[in-house]
Amino acid sequence: METEKKGTFLFKKLDLAFVYLFVFLVGIAIVLAMTSYLNNKVKEFNEDSVAVALQK
């Protein structure tokens, strides 16, 4: 009975750790996706600015 409780406690801690790890990895993926998107928008804006400057 005592070892069963310890095992359950350990599995609860491991489950919690995996949940935190999953949330962390999803957060990192979202940050990387947003950074990539914003970098593309900035590049696009800069190209448009150069094109407008060259037309003048």
Protein backbone atom coordinates (compact mmCIF):
# COMPACT_ATOMS: atom_id res chain seq x y z
CA MET A 1 0.00 0.00 0.00
CA GLU A 2 2.80 2.40 0.92
CA THR A 3 4.75 1.80 -2.32
CA GLU A 4 1.56 2.20 -4.34
CA LYS A 5 0.99 5.66 -2.85
CA LYS A 6 4.57 6.69 -3.58
CA GLY A 7 4.23 5.45 -7.15
CA THR A 8 1.00 7.37 -7.66
CA PHE A 9 2.58 10.50 -6.20
CA LEU A 10 5.56 10.11 -8.53
CA PHE A 11 3.32 9.66 -11.57
CA LYS A 12 1.29 12.75 -10.61
CA LYS A 13 4.51 14.77 -10.44
CA LEU A 14 5.66 13.37 -13.78
CA ASP A 15 2.30 14.13 -15.39
CA LEU A 16 2.49 17.69 -14.11
CA ALA A 17 6.04 18.04 -15.44
CA PHE A 18 4.95 16.82 -18.88
CA VAL A 19 2.03 19.27 -18.90
CA TYR A 20 4.40 22.13 -18.06
CA LEU A 21 6.86 20.93 -20.71
CA PHE A 22 4.12 20.72 -23.33
CA VAL A 23 2.82 24.22 -22.50
CA PHE A 24 6.39 25.57 -22.62
CA LEU A 25 7.10 23.98 -26.02
CA VAL A 26 3.81 25.21 -27.47
CA GLY A 27 4.63 28.69 -26.18
CA ILE A 28 8.08 28.60 -27.78
CA ALA A 29 6.55 27.44 -31.08
CA ILE A 30 4.05 30.32 -30.99
CA VAL A 31 6.81 32.85 -30.27
CA LEU A 32 8.94 31.51 -33.13
CA ALA A 33 5.99 31.58 -35.53
CA MET A 34 5.11 35.16 -34.56
CA THR A 35 8.75 36.25 -34.89
CA SER A 36 8.98 34.70 -38.35
CA TYR A 37 5.70 36.33 -39.41
CA LEU A 38 6.77 39.75 -38.14
CA ASN A 39 10.19 39.45 -39.80
CA ASN A 40 8.49 38.70 -43.12
CA LYS A 41 6.18 41.70 -42.69
CA VAL A 42 9.11 43.99 -41.88
CA LYS A 43 11.03 42.70 -44.92
CA GLU A 44 7.96 43.26 -47.10
CA PHE A 45 7.53 46.79 -45.70
CA ASN A 46 11.20 47.60 -46.32
CA GLU A 47 10.99 46.35 -49.90
CA ASP A 48 7.89 48.49 -50.49
CA SER A 49 9.64 51.51 -48.95
CA VAL A 50 12.67 51.04 -51.22
CA ALA A 51 10.42 50.67 -54.26
CA VAL A 52 8.56 53.89 -53.38
CA ALA A 53 11.84 55.72 -52.74
CA LEU A 54 13.23 54.61 -56.11
CA GLN A 55 10.11 55.82 -57.95
CA LYS A 56 10.57 59.36 -56.63
